[in-house]
N, C-alpha and C. Protein backbone atom coordinates (compact mmCIF):
# COMPACT_ATOMS: atom_id res chain seq x y z
N MET A 1 0.85 -1.19 0.00
CA MET A 1 0.00 0.00 0.00
C MET A 1 0.89 1.25 0.00
N LEU A 2 0.81 2.01 -1.06
CA LEU A 2 1.57 3.25 -1.18
C LEU A 2 0.78 4.39 -0.56
N VAL A 3 1.50 5.24 0.16
CA VAL A 3 0.88 6.40 0.81
C VAL A 3 1.73 7.64 0.50
N PRO A 4 1.13 8.83 0.62
CA PRO A 4 1.92 10.05 0.42
C PRO A 4 3.07 10.12 1.44
N HIS A 5 4.13 10.82 1.05
CA HIS A 5 5.27 10.96 1.95
C HIS A 5 4.85 11.62 3.26
N ASP A 6 5.35 11.09 4.35
CA ASP A 6 5.08 11.63 5.68
C ASP A 6 6.40 12.19 6.22
N PRO A 7 6.47 13.50 6.46
CA PRO A 7 7.72 14.10 6.96
C PRO A 7 8.23 13.47 8.26
N ARG A 8 7.35 12.84 9.02
CA ARG A 8 7.79 12.18 10.27
C ARG A 8 8.73 11.00 9.98
N TRP A 9 8.64 10.44 8.77
CA TRP A 9 9.53 9.33 8.43
C TRP A 9 11.00 9.74 8.58
N LEU A 10 11.32 10.96 8.17
CA LEU A 10 12.71 11.42 8.26
C LEU A 10 13.16 11.53 9.71
N VAL A 11 12.29 12.02 10.56
CA VAL A 11 12.61 12.16 11.99
C VAL A 11 12.70 10.79 12.65
N ASP A 12 11.70 9.95 12.38
CA ASP A 12 11.69 8.60 12.97
C ASP A 12 12.90 7.79 12.51
N ALA A 13 13.26 7.93 11.24
CA ALA A 13 14.42 7.20 10.72
C ALA A 13 15.71 7.69 11.39
N ALA A 14 15.85 8.98 11.55
CA ALA A 14 17.05 9.51 12.22
C ALA A 14 17.16 8.97 13.63
N ASP A 15 16.04 8.92 14.34
CA ASP A 15 16.05 8.37 15.71
C ASP A 15 16.43 6.89 15.70
N GLU A 16 15.88 6.13 14.77
CA GLU A 16 16.18 4.70 14.71
C GLU A 16 17.62 4.46 14.27
N CYS A 17 18.12 5.27 13.37
CA CYS A 17 19.53 5.16 12.96
C CYS A 17 20.44 5.35 14.17
N ARG A 18 20.12 6.33 15.00
CA ARG A 18 20.92 6.58 16.20
C ARG A 18 20.86 5.40 17.15
N ARG A 19 19.66 4.83 17.34
CA ARG A 19 19.53 3.68 18.25
C ARG A 19 20.34 2.48 17.76
N ILE A 20 20.30 2.23 16.45
CA ILE A 20 21.06 1.12 15.89
C ILE A 20 22.56 1.35 16.08
N ALA A 21 23.01 2.56 15.77
CA ALA A 21 24.43 2.87 15.91
C ALA A 21 24.89 2.70 17.36
N GLU A 22 24.08 3.16 18.30
CA GLU A 22 24.43 3.02 19.72
C GLU A 22 24.42 1.56 20.15
N ALA A 23 23.43 0.79 19.71
CA ALA A 23 23.31 -0.61 20.12
C ALA A 23 24.45 -1.47 19.55
N CYS A 24 24.83 -1.20 18.33
CA CYS A 24 25.83 -2.05 17.66
C CYS A 24 27.26 -1.57 17.87
N GLY A 25 27.41 -0.36 18.40
CA GLY A 25 28.75 0.13 18.73
C GLY A 25 29.65 0.24 17.52
N PRO A 26 30.94 -0.02 17.73
CA PRO A 26 31.92 0.23 16.67
C PRO A 26 31.82 -0.70 15.46
N VAL A 27 31.02 -1.76 15.55
CA VAL A 27 30.85 -2.64 14.38
C VAL A 27 30.17 -1.87 13.24
N VAL A 28 29.24 -0.98 13.59
CA VAL A 28 28.52 -0.19 12.59
C VAL A 28 29.22 1.16 12.42
N LEU A 29 29.65 1.43 11.20
CA LEU A 29 30.34 2.69 10.90
C LEU A 29 29.38 3.87 10.88
N ARG A 30 28.20 3.64 10.30
CA ARG A 30 27.15 4.66 10.23
C ARG A 30 25.87 3.96 9.82
N VAL A 31 24.74 4.66 9.94
CA VAL A 31 23.46 4.10 9.52
C VAL A 31 22.79 5.14 8.61
N GLU A 32 22.44 4.71 7.41
CA GLU A 32 21.83 5.59 6.41
C GLU A 32 20.33 5.29 6.31
N HIS A 33 19.55 6.32 6.06
CA HIS A 33 18.13 6.17 5.74
C HIS A 33 18.07 6.05 4.22
N ILE A 34 17.52 4.95 3.72
CA ILE A 34 17.46 4.70 2.28
C ILE A 34 16.02 4.39 1.89
N GLY A 35 15.81 4.06 0.63
CA GLY A 35 14.48 3.68 0.18
C GLY A 35 13.57 4.89 -0.01
N SER A 36 12.37 4.62 -0.42
CA SER A 36 11.44 5.68 -0.77
C SER A 36 11.08 6.59 0.40
N THR A 37 11.06 6.08 1.61
CA THR A 37 10.71 6.94 2.75
C THR A 37 11.79 7.98 3.03
N SER A 38 12.98 7.81 2.43
CA SER A 38 14.07 8.78 2.63
C SER A 38 14.03 9.92 1.62
N VAL A 39 13.07 9.89 0.71
CA VAL A 39 13.00 10.88 -0.36
C VAL A 39 11.78 11.77 -0.14
N PRO A 40 11.99 13.01 0.33
CA PRO A 40 10.85 13.90 0.55
C PRO A 40 9.99 14.03 -0.71
N GLY A 41 8.68 13.92 -0.51
CA GLY A 41 7.73 14.07 -1.60
C GLY A 41 7.41 12.81 -2.37
N LEU A 42 8.12 11.71 -2.09
CA LEU A 42 7.90 10.48 -2.85
C LEU A 42 6.91 9.57 -2.13
N ILE A 43 5.96 9.03 -2.89
CA ILE A 43 5.04 8.05 -2.30
C ILE A 43 5.84 6.83 -1.88
N ALA A 44 5.34 6.12 -0.87
CA ALA A 44 6.09 4.97 -0.36
C ALA A 44 5.18 4.05 0.43
N LYS A 45 5.65 2.83 0.59
CA LYS A 45 5.05 1.95 1.60
C LYS A 45 5.54 2.49 2.93
N PRO A 46 4.71 2.51 3.96
CA PRO A 46 5.12 3.09 5.24
C PRO A 46 6.04 2.17 6.05
N VAL A 47 7.16 1.79 5.44
CA VAL A 47 8.17 0.96 6.08
C VAL A 47 9.51 1.67 5.91
N LEU A 48 10.17 1.97 7.03
CA LEU A 48 11.46 2.65 6.96
C LEU A 48 12.55 1.67 6.58
N ASP A 49 13.27 1.99 5.51
CA ASP A 49 14.43 1.21 5.11
C ASP A 49 15.68 1.92 5.61
N LEU A 50 16.45 1.19 6.39
CA LEU A 50 17.68 1.73 6.96
C LEU A 50 18.84 0.87 6.50
N MET A 51 20.04 1.45 6.46
CA MET A 51 21.21 0.70 6.02
C MET A 51 22.36 0.91 7.00
N PRO A 52 22.48 0.01 7.99
CA PRO A 52 23.68 0.04 8.83
C PRO A 52 24.87 -0.41 7.97
N VAL A 53 25.92 0.36 7.99
CA VAL A 53 27.11 0.10 7.18
C VAL A 53 28.20 -0.44 8.09
N VAL A 54 28.79 -1.57 7.69
CA VAL A 54 29.82 -2.24 8.49
C VAL A 54 31.09 -2.41 7.66
N ARG A 55 32.20 -2.67 8.36
CA ARG A 55 33.48 -2.93 7.68
C ARG A 55 33.56 -4.34 7.12
N ASP A 56 32.95 -5.28 7.84
CA ASP A 56 33.17 -6.69 7.55
C ASP A 56 31.88 -7.48 7.75
N PHE A 57 31.54 -8.31 6.76
CA PHE A 57 30.30 -9.09 6.83
C PHE A 57 30.29 -10.03 8.04
N GLU A 58 31.36 -10.74 8.26
CA GLU A 58 31.41 -11.71 9.37
C GLU A 58 31.32 -11.01 10.72
N GLU A 59 32.02 -9.90 10.87
CA GLU A 59 31.99 -9.15 12.13
C GLU A 59 30.57 -8.66 12.44
N ALA A 60 29.79 -8.44 11.40
CA ALA A 60 28.42 -7.93 11.58
C ALA A 60 27.52 -8.91 12.31
N PHE A 61 27.89 -10.19 12.36
CA PHE A 61 27.10 -11.14 13.15
C PHE A 61 27.03 -10.71 14.62
N LEU A 62 28.00 -9.92 15.07
CA LEU A 62 27.99 -9.41 16.44
C LEU A 62 26.80 -8.48 16.68
N CYS A 63 26.16 -8.02 15.63
CA CYS A 63 25.03 -7.10 15.76
C CYS A 63 23.69 -7.81 15.91
N VAL A 64 23.65 -9.12 15.70
CA VAL A 64 22.37 -9.82 15.75
C VAL A 64 21.71 -9.64 17.12
N ALA A 65 22.42 -9.90 18.19
CA ALA A 65 21.82 -9.78 19.53
C ALA A 65 21.41 -8.34 19.84
N PRO A 66 22.27 -7.34 19.60
CA PRO A 66 21.82 -5.96 19.86
C PRO A 66 20.61 -5.55 19.02
N MET A 67 20.55 -6.01 17.78
CA MET A 67 19.40 -5.67 16.94
C MET A 67 18.14 -6.35 17.47
N ARG A 68 18.27 -7.58 17.94
CA ARG A 68 17.12 -8.24 18.57
C ARG A 68 16.66 -7.44 19.78
N GLY A 69 17.60 -6.89 20.52
CA GLY A 69 17.27 -6.06 21.67
C GLY A 69 16.48 -4.81 21.31
N LEU A 70 16.60 -4.38 20.06
CA LEU A 70 15.83 -3.22 19.57
C LEU A 70 14.50 -3.64 18.96
N GLY A 71 14.21 -4.95 18.99
CA GLY A 71 12.92 -5.43 18.48
C GLY A 71 12.96 -5.98 17.07
N TYR A 72 14.14 -6.13 16.49
CA TYR A 72 14.25 -6.68 15.14
C TYR A 72 14.38 -8.19 15.20
N TRP A 73 13.93 -8.85 14.14
CA TRP A 73 14.24 -10.26 13.97
C TRP A 73 15.19 -10.38 12.80
N TYR A 74 16.06 -11.37 12.89
CA TYR A 74 17.12 -11.55 11.91
C TYR A 74 16.67 -12.51 10.82
N ALA A 75 16.74 -12.04 9.56
CA ALA A 75 16.28 -12.84 8.42
C ALA A 75 17.43 -13.39 7.58
N GLY A 76 18.67 -13.25 8.05
CA GLY A 76 19.81 -13.72 7.27
C GLY A 76 20.03 -12.86 6.04
N GLU A 77 20.60 -13.46 4.99
CA GLU A 77 20.88 -12.69 3.76
C GLU A 77 19.60 -12.45 2.95
N PHE A 78 18.62 -13.29 3.10
CA PHE A 78 17.31 -13.16 2.46
C PHE A 78 17.41 -12.82 0.99
N GLY A 79 18.17 -13.66 0.26
CA GLY A 79 18.23 -13.54 -1.18
C GLY A 79 19.27 -12.58 -1.73
N ILE A 80 19.95 -11.85 -0.89
CA ILE A 80 20.99 -10.92 -1.37
C ILE A 80 22.29 -11.27 -0.65
N PRO A 81 23.20 -11.97 -1.33
CA PRO A 81 24.47 -12.32 -0.71
C PRO A 81 25.21 -11.09 -0.20
N GLY A 82 25.75 -11.21 1.00
CA GLY A 82 26.49 -10.10 1.59
C GLY A 82 25.64 -9.14 2.40
N ARG A 83 24.35 -9.44 2.55
CA ARG A 83 23.47 -8.57 3.33
C ARG A 83 22.99 -9.32 4.56
N HIS A 84 22.93 -8.62 5.67
CA HIS A 84 22.24 -9.10 6.86
C HIS A 84 20.93 -8.30 6.90
N LEU A 85 19.78 -8.98 6.80
CA LEU A 85 18.50 -8.29 6.83
C LEU A 85 17.86 -8.45 8.20
N PHE A 86 17.43 -7.33 8.76
CA PHE A 86 16.71 -7.31 10.02
C PHE A 86 15.35 -6.66 9.77
N VAL A 87 14.31 -7.19 10.40
CA VAL A 87 12.95 -6.71 10.19
C VAL A 87 12.32 -6.42 11.55
N LYS A 88 11.56 -5.34 11.61
CA LYS A 88 10.92 -4.93 12.86
C LYS A 88 9.45 -4.62 12.60
N GLY A 89 8.61 -4.99 13.57
CA GLY A 89 7.20 -4.63 13.52
C GLY A 89 6.31 -5.71 12.96
N SER A 90 5.07 -5.67 13.43
CA SER A 90 4.05 -6.57 12.92
C SER A 90 2.73 -5.78 12.90
N PRO A 91 2.32 -5.23 11.77
CA PRO A 91 2.97 -5.34 10.47
C PRO A 91 4.33 -4.64 10.45
N ARG A 92 5.12 -4.96 9.44
CA ARG A 92 6.48 -4.44 9.35
C ARG A 92 6.51 -2.92 9.35
N THR A 93 7.44 -2.39 10.14
CA THR A 93 7.63 -0.94 10.20
C THR A 93 9.04 -0.53 9.78
N HIS A 94 10.00 -1.46 9.90
CA HIS A 94 11.40 -1.15 9.60
C HIS A 94 12.08 -2.35 8.93
N HIS A 95 12.93 -2.05 7.98
CA HIS A 95 13.87 -3.02 7.41
C HIS A 95 15.26 -2.43 7.61
N ALA A 96 16.18 -3.20 8.13
CA ALA A 96 17.57 -2.76 8.24
C ALA A 96 18.41 -3.68 7.37
N HIS A 97 18.97 -3.11 6.32
CA HIS A 97 19.78 -3.84 5.35
C HIS A 97 21.24 -3.59 5.73
N MET A 98 21.84 -4.47 6.52
CA MET A 98 23.21 -4.28 6.98
C MET A 98 24.16 -4.74 5.89
N LEU A 99 24.97 -3.79 5.39
CA LEU A 99 25.84 -4.06 4.24
C LEU A 99 27.25 -3.57 4.51
N VAL A 100 28.19 -4.16 3.81
CA VAL A 100 29.59 -3.77 3.93
C VAL A 100 29.80 -2.45 3.20
N ASP A 101 30.54 -1.55 3.83
CA ASP A 101 30.86 -0.25 3.28
C ASP A 101 31.50 -0.40 1.89
N GLY A 102 30.97 0.31 0.92
CA GLY A 102 31.52 0.28 -0.43
C GLY A 102 31.09 -0.91 -1.28
N SER A 103 30.28 -1.82 -0.72
CA SER A 103 29.81 -2.96 -1.50
C SER A 103 28.87 -2.48 -2.61
N ARG A 104 28.70 -3.33 -3.61
CA ARG A 104 27.84 -2.99 -4.74
C ARG A 104 26.43 -2.63 -4.27
N GLU A 105 25.85 -3.45 -3.39
CA GLU A 105 24.49 -3.18 -2.92
C GLU A 105 24.41 -1.88 -2.13
N ALA A 106 25.40 -1.61 -1.29
CA ALA A 106 25.41 -0.36 -0.52
C ALA A 106 25.49 0.84 -1.45
N ARG A 107 26.37 0.77 -2.44
CA ARG A 107 26.50 1.88 -3.40
C ARG A 107 25.20 2.09 -4.17
N ARG A 108 24.53 1.00 -4.54
CA ARG A 108 23.28 1.12 -5.29
C ARG A 108 22.17 1.76 -4.44
N HIS A 109 22.05 1.35 -3.19
CA HIS A 109 21.02 1.94 -2.32
C HIS A 109 21.23 3.45 -2.20
N LEU A 110 22.47 3.87 -1.97
CA LEU A 110 22.75 5.29 -1.81
C LEU A 110 22.53 6.04 -3.12
N ALA A 111 22.89 5.42 -4.24
CA ALA A 111 22.72 6.06 -5.54
C ALA A 111 21.25 6.34 -5.82
N VAL A 112 20.39 5.36 -5.58
CA VAL A 112 18.96 5.54 -5.83
C VAL A 112 18.42 6.67 -4.95
N ARG A 113 18.74 6.61 -3.67
CA ARG A 113 18.27 7.67 -2.77
C ARG A 113 18.74 9.04 -3.24
N ASP A 114 20.01 9.16 -3.54
CA ASP A 114 20.57 10.47 -3.87
C ASP A 114 20.05 11.01 -5.20
N VAL A 115 19.90 10.14 -6.20
CA VAL A 115 19.35 10.60 -7.49
C VAL A 115 17.90 11.04 -7.30
N LEU A 116 17.10 10.25 -6.59
CA LEU A 116 15.69 10.61 -6.41
C LEU A 116 15.53 11.87 -5.57
N ARG A 117 16.45 12.13 -4.65
CA ARG A 117 16.37 13.35 -3.85
C ARG A 117 16.70 14.60 -4.68
N THR A 118 17.57 14.45 -5.68
CA THR A 118 18.09 15.62 -6.39
C THR A 118 17.53 15.81 -7.80
N ASP A 119 16.82 14.82 -8.34
CA ASP A 119 16.33 14.90 -9.72
C ASP A 119 14.80 14.82 -9.72
N PRO A 120 14.12 15.98 -9.73
CA PRO A 120 12.65 15.97 -9.67
C PRO A 120 11.99 15.20 -10.81
N ALA A 121 12.54 15.25 -12.00
CA ALA A 121 11.94 14.53 -13.13
C ALA A 121 12.04 13.02 -12.92
N MET A 122 13.19 12.55 -12.46
CA MET A 122 13.36 11.12 -12.20
C MET A 122 12.47 10.69 -11.04
N ARG A 123 12.35 11.54 -10.02
CA ARG A 123 11.48 11.23 -8.88
C ARG A 123 10.03 11.08 -9.35
N ALA A 124 9.58 11.95 -10.24
CA ALA A 124 8.21 11.87 -10.76
C ALA A 124 8.02 10.61 -11.61
N ARG A 125 8.99 10.27 -12.43
CA ARG A 125 8.91 9.04 -13.23
C ARG A 125 8.85 7.81 -12.32
N TYR A 126 9.69 7.82 -11.29
CA TYR A 126 9.74 6.69 -10.37
C TYR A 126 8.42 6.55 -9.61
N ALA A 127 7.86 7.67 -9.16
CA ALA A 127 6.58 7.64 -8.45
C ALA A 127 5.47 7.09 -9.34
N ALA A 128 5.43 7.54 -10.59
CA ALA A 128 4.40 7.06 -11.52
C ALA A 128 4.56 5.56 -11.76
N LEU A 129 5.79 5.11 -11.94
CA LEU A 129 6.03 3.69 -12.15
C LEU A 129 5.64 2.88 -10.93
N LYS A 130 5.98 3.38 -9.74
CA LYS A 130 5.61 2.67 -8.51
C LYS A 130 4.10 2.48 -8.42
N GLN A 131 3.35 3.53 -8.71
CA GLN A 131 1.90 3.44 -8.64
C GLN A 131 1.36 2.42 -9.64
N GLU A 132 1.87 2.47 -10.86
CA GLU A 132 1.42 1.53 -11.89
C GLU A 132 1.74 0.09 -11.49
N LEU A 133 2.96 -0.14 -11.02
CA LEU A 133 3.38 -1.49 -10.68
C LEU A 133 2.71 -2.02 -9.43
N ALA A 134 2.41 -1.15 -8.48
CA ALA A 134 1.71 -1.58 -7.27
C ALA A 134 0.32 -2.10 -7.63
N GLN A 135 -0.34 -1.43 -8.57
CA GLN A 135 -1.66 -1.88 -9.01
C GLN A 135 -1.56 -3.19 -9.80
N ARG A 136 -0.52 -3.29 -10.62
CA ARG A 136 -0.37 -4.46 -11.49
C ARG A 136 0.12 -5.69 -10.74
N PHE A 137 1.03 -5.51 -9.78
CA PHE A 137 1.67 -6.65 -9.14
C PHE A 137 1.25 -6.91 -7.70
N GLY A 138 0.58 -5.95 -7.06
CA GLY A 138 0.13 -6.16 -5.68
C GLY A 138 1.28 -6.58 -4.78
N SER A 139 1.16 -7.75 -4.16
CA SER A 139 2.19 -8.21 -3.23
C SER A 139 3.24 -9.11 -3.89
N ASN A 140 3.24 -9.20 -5.21
CA ASN A 140 4.23 -9.98 -5.95
C ASN A 140 5.53 -9.17 -6.05
N ARG A 141 6.39 -9.30 -5.03
CA ARG A 141 7.62 -8.50 -4.96
C ARG A 141 8.56 -8.77 -6.12
N GLU A 142 8.66 -10.03 -6.52
CA GLU A 142 9.58 -10.37 -7.61
C GLU A 142 9.14 -9.73 -8.92
N GLY A 143 7.85 -9.82 -9.22
CA GLY A 143 7.33 -9.20 -10.43
C GLY A 143 7.51 -7.69 -10.42
N TYR A 144 7.25 -7.09 -9.27
CA TYR A 144 7.41 -5.64 -9.08
C TYR A 144 8.86 -5.24 -9.34
N ALA A 145 9.80 -5.96 -8.72
CA ALA A 145 11.22 -5.64 -8.88
C ALA A 145 11.67 -5.81 -10.32
N ASP A 146 11.24 -6.89 -10.95
CA ASP A 146 11.62 -7.14 -12.35
C ASP A 146 11.09 -6.03 -13.26
N ALA A 147 9.88 -5.58 -13.02
CA ALA A 147 9.25 -4.58 -13.88
C ALA A 147 9.88 -3.20 -13.72
N LYS A 148 10.52 -2.93 -12.60
CA LYS A 148 11.15 -1.62 -12.45
C LYS A 148 12.66 -1.67 -12.72
N ALA A 149 13.18 -2.81 -13.17
CA ALA A 149 14.62 -2.98 -13.38
C ALA A 149 15.18 -1.99 -14.40
N SER A 150 14.45 -1.71 -15.46
CA SER A 150 14.95 -0.81 -16.49
C SER A 150 15.16 0.61 -15.94
N LEU A 151 14.20 1.10 -15.19
CA LEU A 151 14.34 2.43 -14.61
C LEU A 151 15.46 2.44 -13.56
N MET A 152 15.58 1.37 -12.80
CA MET A 152 16.66 1.29 -11.81
C MET A 152 18.01 1.37 -12.53
N ARG A 153 18.15 0.69 -13.67
CA ARG A 153 19.39 0.72 -14.44
C ARG A 153 19.70 2.15 -14.86
N GLU A 154 18.68 2.90 -15.28
CA GLU A 154 18.88 4.32 -15.64
C GLU A 154 19.42 5.10 -14.46
N ILE A 155 18.84 4.86 -13.29
CA ILE A 155 19.29 5.57 -12.08
C ILE A 155 20.74 5.21 -11.77
N PHE A 156 21.07 3.92 -11.84
CA PHE A 156 22.46 3.52 -11.58
C PHE A 156 23.41 4.18 -12.57
N ASP A 157 22.99 4.28 -13.84
CA ASP A 157 23.84 4.91 -14.85
C ASP A 157 24.04 6.39 -14.54
N ILE A 158 22.98 7.09 -14.16
CA ILE A 158 23.08 8.50 -13.80
C ILE A 158 24.07 8.67 -12.66
N ALA A 159 24.01 7.77 -11.69
CA ALA A 159 24.87 7.87 -10.50
C ALA A 159 26.26 7.30 -10.73
N GLY A 160 26.45 6.60 -11.84
CA GLY A 160 27.76 6.03 -12.12
C GLY A 160 28.11 4.82 -11.28
N VAL A 161 27.09 4.02 -10.93
CA VAL A 161 27.34 2.77 -10.20
C VAL A 161 26.97 1.60 -11.08
N GLU A 162 27.61 0.47 -10.83
CA GLU A 162 27.36 -0.71 -11.65
C GLU A 162 26.04 -1.37 -11.29
């Protein structure tokens, strides 16, 4: 379910980023707010996507217990090698995609966020595509992702990431 952007998402995400950084200590270098909720004015599912950035994938296992202490459950890599996925809420309210600093996935998440924040025309195209695909694919995440792959490739090209 897509909803209009809520400015509280930015505040709530900043608070949650701080809590994750404090809980995980020096294992987490920083925590970024990513995904559609990080882009002012963009429609989104009301789930905050966060990206704790770590130096080392194996060392990040040390964060599982602290993240559980914050109410997250650990989903493992969940289809993306090199990612630790944590989920919070029922229904879901937060996704934390723990990734290694400079990894391909981390660079891609930041590229999408930054392009959509700074390019109003691309943001409008992305919003229109999201609405169309949400109606067409509903809860079929794989179909949704496949159908937006071409536009994502454009965004990666604009940002200069692979």
